[in-house]
Amino acid sequence: MLASSDAVAKMNAAVGVNSLFRGVSKDDPTKVCAVQQGPVGVAQKIFEDNKDMIRGAGHVIESTVISSYLDA
């Protein structure tokens, strides 16, 4: 199943995730950066719960690096 941007935005909003930035590397178009704001651990759970949909959109799950940062 291929997810639309609207579907992804609704899924993120439902779990309290706000997309702040998405961009493609100027040196490597296979690398992207997504900065999101939300509860710690939610991004990992979204990936775990939606692997088939994410793979269906062409994303290579194993290439994903998720890091969490807290306000200082």
Protein backbone atom coordinates (compact mmCIF):
# COMPACT_ATOMS: atom_id res chain seq x y z
CA MET A 1 0.00 0.00 0.00
CA LEU A 2 1.44 3.37 -1.04
CA ALA A 3 0.83 6.14 1.51
CA SER A 4 0.00 9.66 0.40
CA SER A 5 1.53 12.71 2.08
CA ASP A 6 -1.92 13.47 3.51
CA ALA A 7 -2.17 9.98 5.02
CA VAL A 8 1.29 10.28 6.58
CA ALA A 9 0.50 13.76 7.95
CA LYS A 10 -2.73 12.46 9.51
CA MET A 11 -0.94 9.44 10.99
CA ASN A 12 1.73 11.70 12.50
CA ALA A 13 -0.81 14.19 13.86
CA ALA A 14 -2.77 11.37 15.49
CA VAL A 15 0.28 10.47 17.62
CA GLY A 16 1.46 14.03 18.30
CA VAL A 17 4.27 14.27 15.73
CA ASN A 18 4.84 17.55 13.88
CA SER A 19 7.06 17.60 10.78
CA LEU A 20 9.49 20.53 11.01
CA PHE A 21 11.77 19.83 8.02
CA ARG A 22 12.25 17.35 5.18
CA GLY A 23 15.07 17.58 2.67
CA VAL A 24 17.24 15.60 0.27
CA SER A 25 21.05 15.58 0.46
CA LYS A 26 22.57 17.72 -2.30
CA ASP A 27 25.46 15.21 -2.53
CA ASP A 28 23.44 11.98 -2.40
CA PRO A 29 19.81 12.00 -3.57
CA THR A 30 19.23 8.64 -1.85
CA LYS A 31 19.70 10.31 1.55
CA VAL A 32 17.01 12.38 3.19
CA CYS A 33 16.72 14.19 6.50
CA ALA A 34 13.44 14.56 8.35
CA VAL A 35 13.20 16.61 11.54
CA GLN A 36 10.09 15.99 13.58
CA GLN A 37 8.88 17.18 16.95
CA GLY A 38 6.99 14.78 19.17
CA PRO A 39 7.12 12.47 22.16
CA VAL A 40 10.33 10.42 22.50
CA GLY A 41 9.91 6.91 21.12
CA VAL A 42 6.96 7.69 18.85
CA ALA A 43 9.03 7.71 15.62
CA GLN A 44 10.42 4.26 16.41
CA LYS A 45 6.92 2.95 17.12
CA ILE A 46 5.53 4.43 13.87
CA PHE A 47 8.28 2.66 11.91
CA GLU A 48 7.72 -0.64 13.71
CA ASP A 49 3.94 -0.53 13.29
CA ASN A 50 3.96 0.57 9.63
CA LYS A 51 6.92 -1.21 8.00
CA ASP A 52 4.89 -2.61 5.10
CA MET A 53 3.40 0.77 4.19
CA ILE A 54 6.80 2.49 4.53
CA ARG A 55 8.52 -0.16 2.37
CA GLY A 56 5.70 0.17 -0.16
CA ALA A 57 6.63 3.83 -0.59
CA GLY A 58 10.15 2.77 -1.58
CA HIS A 59 11.82 3.50 1.75
CA VAL A 60 14.61 1.16 2.88
CA ILE A 61 13.77 0.69 6.56
CA GLU A 62 17.21 -0.69 7.39
CA SER A 63 18.80 2.59 6.25
CA THR A 64 16.84 4.64 8.77
CA VAL A 65 18.63 6.34 11.65
CA ILE A 66 16.38 7.78 14.34
CA SER A 67 17.87 10.09 16.97
CA SER A 68 16.08 11.82 19.84
CA TYR A 69 16.94 15.25 21.22
CA LEU A 70 15.48 16.95 24.28
CA ASP A 71 15.11 20.65 25.03
CA ALA A 72 17.94 21.80 27.28
